[in-house]
């Protein structure tokens, strides 16, 4: 069984410079819910893997992150989509854990918990660190241009040329995934890699509702 792994901030919700600290600050990226509704038609688990160092930085407690995810899943399900599990890393970068992306620990934990075959699974993120995590375990990575994607694309294309696909947003990634899985879709998706130079830009168990909605690593 393969899976679709999704970063959260910048892919599903908008990034905030001061972090998403409660549900009132959570704003869905345009077309993200529609993308998840489309992906829900596939018989493939949809799993969020997100770095949430706000926990160990003492900005918000783990319970607040859980509550944000609970509301997020309710809203996604109301739109006809689904999220089957959420994994998050609470560690700061200087803690040097093996679960904070670009390390692939969250993906490996999901594979162990759910019997997922990582090779051939999909990963959608807005940062080079997301792409690195996917590449480390032979996932098929997508870099979206929402969130940090536009500013991260030059570095990603320099350091991992040909290893991932650049797409406009989660909706377009969903279009490519559906096509790859043999689902008929409109031919609207394109590879945006050719829009970027490699030079820096100057402006630039599945869970049921009764079960816990998030799995913390470590």
Protein backbone atom coordinates (compact mmCIF):
# COMPACT_ATOMS: atom_id res chain seq x y z
CA UNK A 1 0.00 0.00 0.00
CA UNK A 2 1.36 3.40 -1.01
CA UNK A 3 0.36 6.77 0.44
CA UNK A 4 0.05 10.47 -0.35
CA UNK A 5 2.10 12.53 2.13
CA UNK A 6 1.32 16.23 2.47
CA UNK A 7 3.09 19.03 4.24
CA UNK A 8 0.64 21.31 6.06
CA UNK A 9 1.74 24.95 6.13
CA UNK A 10 2.09 26.36 2.63
CA UNK A 11 0.35 23.35 1.05
CA UNK A 12 -2.97 23.05 2.88
CA UNK A 13 -2.98 26.27 4.90
CA UNK A 14 -1.28 29.59 4.46
CA UNK A 15 2.07 30.18 6.13
CA UNK A 16 2.27 32.84 8.80
CA UNK A 17 5.52 34.54 9.85
CA UNK A 18 4.40 34.16 13.48
CA UNK A 19 3.15 30.58 12.96
CA UNK A 20 -0.38 29.19 12.99
CA UNK A 21 -1.15 29.22 16.71
CA UNK A 22 -4.90 28.53 16.79
CA UNK A 23 -7.80 27.66 14.51
CA UNK A 24 -8.68 31.33 13.92
CA UNK A 25 -5.27 31.80 12.28
CA UNK A 26 -5.65 28.76 10.03
CA UNK A 27 -6.56 29.80 6.47
CA UNK A 28 -6.86 27.20 3.72
CA UNK A 29 -4.76 27.74 0.62
CA UNK A 30 -6.97 28.35 -2.42
CA UNK A 31 -8.19 25.09 -4.01
CA UNK A 32 -6.63 22.96 -1.24
CA UNK A 33 -9.95 21.54 -0.03
CA UNK A 34 -11.03 20.87 -3.60
CA UNK A 35 -7.75 19.03 -4.18
CA UNK A 36 -8.31 16.87 -1.11
CA UNK A 37 -11.84 16.09 -2.25
CA UNK A 38 -10.45 14.84 -5.55
CA UNK A 39 -7.69 12.79 -3.88
CA UNK A 40 -10.24 11.18 -1.55
CA UNK A 41 -11.52 9.18 -4.54
CA UNK A 42 -8.27 7.19 -4.55
CA UNK A 43 -7.88 4.09 -2.41
CA UNK A 44 -4.66 5.53 -0.96
CA UNK A 45 -4.11 6.91 2.56
CA UNK A 46 -3.66 10.69 2.76
CA UNK A 47 -1.23 11.60 5.53
CA UNK A 48 0.02 14.94 6.78
CA UNK A 49 3.67 15.16 7.88
CA UNK A 50 4.47 18.56 9.36
CA UNK A 51 7.27 20.17 11.36
CA UNK A 52 5.76 21.91 14.40
CA UNK A 53 8.70 23.25 16.39
CA UNK A 54 6.25 25.76 17.91
CA UNK A 55 5.68 23.06 20.53
CA UNK A 56 9.23 22.72 21.83
CA UNK A 57 9.78 26.45 21.38
CA UNK A 58 6.95 26.84 23.93
CA UNK A 59 4.92 29.03 21.60
CA UNK A 60 1.87 26.75 21.82
CA UNK A 61 1.34 23.39 23.53
CA UNK A 62 0.85 20.10 21.71
CA UNK A 63 -2.82 20.19 22.69
CA UNK A 64 -3.29 23.38 20.65
CA UNK A 65 -1.71 21.73 17.60
CA UNK A 66 -4.05 18.76 18.07
CA UNK A 67 -7.04 21.10 18.23
CA UNK A 68 -6.00 22.88 15.04
CA UNK A 69 -5.74 19.52 13.29
CA UNK A 70 -9.11 18.43 14.64
CA UNK A 71 -10.84 21.48 13.16
CA UNK A 72 -8.86 21.12 9.92
CA UNK A 73 -10.00 17.53 9.42
CA UNK A 74 -13.62 18.39 10.21
CA UNK A 75 -13.55 21.14 7.56
CA UNK A 76 -11.87 18.91 4.99
CA UNK A 77 -14.40 16.14 5.58
CA UNK A 78 -17.26 18.63 5.28
CA UNK A 79 -15.96 19.46 1.80
CA UNK A 80 -15.88 15.79 0.85
CA UNK A 81 -12.18 15.17 1.43
CA UNK A 82 -10.29 13.25 4.05
CA UNK A 83 -7.06 13.14 6.03
CA UNK A 84 -6.31 9.67 7.35
CA UNK A 85 -3.55 10.53 9.78
CA UNK A 86 -1.45 13.46 10.95
CA UNK A 87 2.16 13.14 12.07
CA UNK A 88 4.06 16.09 13.42
CA UNK A 89 7.54 16.69 14.74
CA UNK A 90 7.65 18.97 17.81
CA UNK A 91 11.44 19.37 17.84
CA UNK A 92 13.50 22.47 17.22
CA UNK A 93 16.17 22.24 14.49
CA UNK A 94 18.98 22.26 17.04
CA UNK A 95 17.57 19.14 18.72
CA UNK A 96 18.79 17.13 15.71
CA UNK A 97 16.01 14.56 15.79
CA UNK A 98 15.42 12.10 12.97
CA UNK A 99 11.78 13.11 12.43
CA UNK A 100 12.08 16.79 11.54
CA UNK A 101 12.14 17.19 7.78
CA UNK A 102 14.45 16.98 5.83
CA UNK A 103 14.92 13.80 7.84
CA UNK A 104 12.41 11.12 6.74
CA UNK A 105 11.50 9.90 10.22
CA UNK A 106 7.81 10.81 10.04
CA UNK A 107 7.46 9.00 6.71
CA UNK A 108 9.23 5.95 8.11
CA UNK A 109 7.05 5.99 11.22
CA UNK A 110 3.91 6.12 9.08
CA UNK A 111 5.24 3.22 7.01
CA UNK A 112 5.83 1.16 10.15
CA UNK A 113 2.46 2.05 11.69
CA UNK A 114 0.34 1.58 8.57
CA UNK A 115 2.19 -0.88 6.39
CA UNK A 116 2.97 1.73 3.74
CA UNK A 117 5.35 1.14 0.88
CA UNK A 118 7.33 4.36 0.69
CA UNK A 119 8.81 3.74 -2.73
CA UNK A 120 6.26 5.03 -5.20
CA UNK A 121 4.32 6.97 -2.57
CA UNK A 122 3.78 10.67 -3.20
CA UNK A 123 4.95 13.66 -1.19
CA UNK A 124 3.75 17.25 -1.71
CA UNK A 125 5.56 20.10 0.00
CA UNK A 126 6.47 23.77 -0.34
CA UNK A 127 10.09 23.54 0.80
CA UNK A 128 13.33 21.90 -0.27
CA UNK A 129 13.36 20.11 3.09
CA UNK A 130 10.06 18.42 2.17
CA UNK A 131 11.51 17.29 -1.15
CA UNK A 132 14.64 15.96 0.57
CA UNK A 133 12.56 13.90 3.01
CA UNK A 134 10.62 12.35 0.14
CA UNK A 135 13.72 11.66 -1.93
CA UNK A 136 15.41 9.94 1.03
CA UNK A 137 12.82 7.15 0.98
CA UNK A 138 12.13 7.00 -2.78
CA UNK A 139 8.82 8.86 -2.72
CA UNK A 140 7.71 10.84 -5.78
CA UNK A 141 8.00 14.48 -4.65
CA UNK A 142 6.10 17.58 -5.79
CA UNK A 143 7.10 21.15 -4.96
CA UNK A 144 4.12 23.51 -4.92
CA UNK A 145 4.55 27.22 -5.63
CA UNK A 146 2.22 28.22 -2.79
CA UNK A 147 3.63 28.97 0.65
CA UNK A 148 7.42 29.07 0.50
CA UNK A 149 7.55 27.18 -2.78
CA UNK A 150 8.29 30.14 -5.04
CA UNK A 151 11.30 31.21 -2.98
CA UNK A 152 12.46 27.62 -2.39
CA UNK A 153 12.26 26.51 -6.03
CA UNK A 154 15.66 27.86 -7.18
CA UNK A 155 17.56 26.04 -4.42
CA UNK A 156 15.55 22.86 -4.94
CA UNK A 157 16.19 22.92 -8.69
CA UNK A 158 19.91 23.52 -8.14
CA UNK A 159 20.33 20.77 -5.58
CA UNK A 160 17.84 18.20 -6.82
CA UNK A 161 17.42 18.71 -10.58
CA UNK A 162 15.15 16.15 -12.18
CA UNK A 163 14.22 14.57 -8.85
CA UNK A 164 10.83 16.22 -8.34
CA UNK A 165 8.04 18.00 -10.17
CA UNK A 166 7.13 21.66 -9.72
CA UNK A 167 3.39 22.36 -9.72
CA UNK A 168 1.27 25.45 -9.11
CA UNK A 169 -0.48 24.16 -5.98
CA UNK A 170 -1.95 21.11 -4.27
CA UNK A 171 -4.82 21.04 -6.75
CA UNK A 172 -2.42 20.68 -9.65
CA UNK A 173 -0.40 18.05 -7.77
CA UNK A 174 -3.67 16.16 -7.25
CA UNK A 175 -4.35 16.35 -10.98
CA UNK A 176 -0.98 14.76 -11.75
CA UNK A 177 -1.41 12.09 -9.06
CA UNK A 178 -4.89 11.19 -10.30
CA UNK A 179 -3.61 10.91 -13.87
CA UNK A 180 -0.68 8.73 -12.69
CA UNK A 181 -3.12 6.48 -10.86
CA UNK A 182 -5.22 6.07 -14.00
CA UNK A 183 -8.06 8.41 -13.08
CA UNK A 184 -9.34 10.54 -15.98
CA UNK A 185 -8.63 14.22 -15.38
CA UNK A 186 -8.65 17.39 -17.41
CA UNK A 187 -5.23 17.99 -19.03
CA UNK A 188 -4.57 21.17 -17.04
CA UNK A 189 -1.45 20.24 -15.11
CA UNK A 190 1.95 21.30 -16.33
CA UNK A 191 5.48 20.97 -15.04
CA UNK A 192 6.52 24.44 -13.87
CA UNK A 193 10.23 23.55 -13.57
CA UNK A 194 10.99 25.22 -16.90
CA UNK A 195 9.74 28.52 -15.47
CA UNK A 196 12.72 28.71 -13.13
CA UNK A 197 16.37 29.38 -13.58
CA UNK A 198 18.73 27.60 -11.22
CA UNK A 199 19.97 31.08 -10.24
CA UNK A 200 18.56 32.63 -7.05
CA UNK A 201 15.41 34.69 -7.48
CA UNK A 202 15.65 38.24 -6.24
CA UNK A 203 11.94 38.38 -5.38
CA UNK A 204 11.64 35.63 -4.81
CA UNK A 205 -4.61 1.59 11.39
CA UNK A 206 -6.27 4.54 9.47
CA UNK A 207 -7.95 6.83 11.92
CA UNK A 208 -11.69 7.07 12.45
CA UNK A 209 -13.30 10.22 13.90
CA UNK A 210 -13.37 8.52 17.30
CA UNK A 211 -9.60 7.93 17.32
CA UNK A 212 -6.88 10.51 18.01
CA UNK A 213 -6.40 12.75 14.98
CA UNK A 214 -2.67 13.24 15.37
CA UNK A 215 0.35 11.09 16.03
CA UNK A 216 3.33 12.76 17.59
CA UNK A 217 6.77 11.45 16.76
CA UNK A 218 9.01 10.74 19.71
